[in-house]
Every structure is written in structure tokens, then in C-alpha cells.
Amino acid sequence: MTEVDLWTLKPGHKTRMYGGAEAKVLSETEGGERIKVRYLEAKDEPSLEGTEDLVNEDDIEEADQGC
């Protein structure tokens, strides 16, 4: 398991969540505990697509900071 540092994530970065959903970062973390994301694709839970959520580093499997 690779730990993701929320302080390095910026708006526009894409993440893969545990469970396979892909999300786009909408805002930087303010306290180091959570970031706001919008789900782009969630094959196992299509109802998540297009919704926004606050997630923590334990929810994120990996991040693509080269977006």
C-alpha cells in the first residue's frame, strides 16, 4: 500500500480510490486530513459518478500528479 500525501495533491490531479473509482481533486487540503473530489468513473458504483465527496488519504489508492 502506497501512502498518498494529501499536501501534494492540487486541483486537477486525478486519483484512484480503493474500490477502483477514479476521481478528480477539486480543492487542496486545508488541515491535512481531507480533500474534496468529484468522482469521474465508478464501475462498481455508477451512482457515484459526478458526485463530490470529502476523502482522506486512507481512501486513495494512488494519485496521478502529472495531470
C-alpha atoms as a PDB file:
ATOM      1  CA  MET A   1       0.000   0.000   0.000  1.00  0.00           C
ATOM      2  CA  THR A   2       1.433   3.345  -1.067  1.00  0.00           C
ATOM      3  CA  GLU A   3       0.595   6.230   1.209  1.00  0.00           C
ATOM      4  CA  VAL A   4      -0.613   9.369  -0.558  1.00  0.00           C
ATOM      5  CA  ASP A   5       0.395  12.719   0.932  1.00  0.00           C
ATOM      6  CA  LEU A   6      -2.680  14.976   0.710  1.00  0.00           C
ATOM      7  CA  TRP A   7      -0.455  18.086   0.855  1.00  0.00           C
ATOM      8  CA  THR A   8       0.935  17.213  -2.606  1.00  0.00           C
ATOM      9  CA  LEU A   9      -2.487  16.957  -4.283  1.00  0.00           C
ATOM     10  CA  LYS A  10      -3.734  20.022  -6.156  1.00  0.00           C
ATOM     11  CA  PRO A  11      -6.942  20.772  -8.075  1.00  0.00           C
ATOM     12  CA  GLY A  12      -6.953  18.854 -11.352  1.00  0.00           C
ATOM     13  CA  HIS A  13      -4.924  15.877 -10.128  1.00  0.00           C
ATOM     14  CA  LYS A  14      -6.620  12.538 -10.637  1.00  0.00           C
ATOM     15  CA  THR A  15      -6.805   9.796  -8.056  1.00  0.00           C
ATOM     16  CA  ARG A  16      -7.800   6.151  -7.984  1.00  0.00           C
ATOM     17  CA  MET A  17      -9.743   5.255  -4.909  1.00  0.00           C
ATOM     18  CA  TYR A  18      -9.743   1.882  -3.187  1.00  0.00           C
ATOM     19  CA  GLY A  19     -12.577   0.021  -4.881  1.00  0.00           C
ATOM     20  CA  GLY A  20     -11.476   1.237  -8.326  1.00  0.00           C
ATOM     21  CA  ALA A  21     -13.319   4.557  -8.649  1.00  0.00           C
ATOM     22  CA  GLU A  22     -11.482   7.412 -10.348  1.00  0.00           C
ATOM     23  CA  ALA A  23     -11.822  10.956  -9.036  1.00  0.00           C
ATOM     24  CA  LYS A  24     -10.543  14.456  -9.773  1.00  0.00           C
ATOM     25  CA  VAL A  25      -9.242  16.678  -6.975  1.00  0.00           C
ATOM     26  CA  LEU A  26     -11.349  19.837  -6.642  1.00  0.00           C
ATOM     27  CA  SER A  27      -9.590  21.590  -3.772  1.00  0.00           C
ATOM     28  CA  GLU A  28      -6.391  21.425  -1.778  1.00  0.00           C
ATOM     29  CA  THR A  29      -6.411  20.151   1.763  1.00  0.00           C
ATOM     30  CA  GLU A  30      -6.725  22.798   4.444  1.00  0.00           C
ATOM     31  CA  GLY A  31      -5.914  20.750   7.521  1.00  0.00           C
ATOM     32  CA  GLY A  32      -4.090  17.774   6.021  1.00  0.00           C
ATOM     33  CA  GLU A  33      -6.947  15.403   6.751  1.00  0.00           C
ATOM     34  CA  ARG A  34      -9.305  15.569   3.744  1.00  0.00           C
ATOM     35  CA  ILE A  35      -9.579  16.795   0.162  1.00  0.00           C
ATOM     36  CA  LYS A  36     -12.650  17.410  -1.975  1.00  0.00           C
ATOM     37  CA  VAL A  37     -13.006  15.232  -5.089  1.00  0.00           C
ATOM     38  CA  ARG A  38     -15.513  14.653  -7.885  1.00  0.00           C
ATOM     39  CA  TYR A  39     -15.975  11.059  -8.987  1.00  0.00           C
ATOM     40  CA  LEU A  40     -15.328  10.661 -12.717  1.00  0.00           C
ATOM     41  CA  GLU A  41     -15.856   6.928 -13.062  1.00  0.00           C
ATOM     42  CA  ALA A  42     -17.037   4.253 -10.653  1.00  0.00           C
ATOM     43  CA  LYS A  43     -17.748   0.966 -12.399  1.00  0.00           C
ATOM     44  CA  ASP A  44     -18.845  -0.803  -9.220  1.00  0.00           C
ATOM     45  CA  GLU A  45     -20.988   2.129  -8.033  1.00  0.00           C
ATOM     46  CA  PRO A  46     -22.228   4.136 -11.056  1.00  0.00           C
ATOM     47  CA  SER A  47     -24.354   6.328  -8.764  1.00  0.00           C
ATOM     48  CA  LEU A  48     -21.111   7.947  -7.511  1.00  0.00           C
ATOM     49  CA  GLU A  49     -20.215   9.332 -10.951  1.00  0.00           C
ATOM     50  CA  GLY A  50     -20.443  13.124 -10.991  1.00  0.00           C
ATOM     51  CA  THR A  51     -20.869  13.399  -7.228  1.00  0.00           C
ATOM     52  CA  GLU A  52     -18.490  15.197  -4.882  1.00  0.00           C
ATOM     53  CA  ASP A  53     -17.084  13.933  -1.615  1.00  0.00           C
ATOM     54  CA  LEU A  54     -14.501  14.679   1.059  1.00  0.00           C
ATOM     55  CA  VAL A  55     -11.941  11.870   1.227  1.00  0.00           C
ATOM     56  CA  ASN A  56      -8.865  11.161   3.309  1.00  0.00           C
ATOM     57  CA  GLU A  57      -5.560   9.537   2.413  1.00  0.00           C
ATOM     58  CA  ASP A  58      -6.828   6.114   3.512  1.00  0.00           C
ATOM     59  CA  ASP A  59      -9.464   6.276   0.737  1.00  0.00           C
ATOM     60  CA  ILE A  60      -6.902   6.912  -2.048  1.00  0.00           C
ATOM     61  CA  GLU A  61      -5.011   4.035  -3.623  1.00  0.00           C
ATOM     62  CA  GLU A  62      -2.862   6.160  -5.942  1.00  0.00           C
ATOM     63  CA  ALA A  63      -2.632   9.643  -7.396  1.00  0.00           C
ATOM     64  CA  ASP A  64      -1.570  10.920 -10.820  1.00  0.00           C
ATOM     65  CA  GLN A  65       0.000  14.289 -10.135  1.00  0.00           C
ATOM     66  CA  GLY A  66       1.143  14.713 -13.721  1.00  0.00           C
ATOM     67  CA  CYS A  67      -2.325  15.754 -14.932  1.00  0.00           C
END
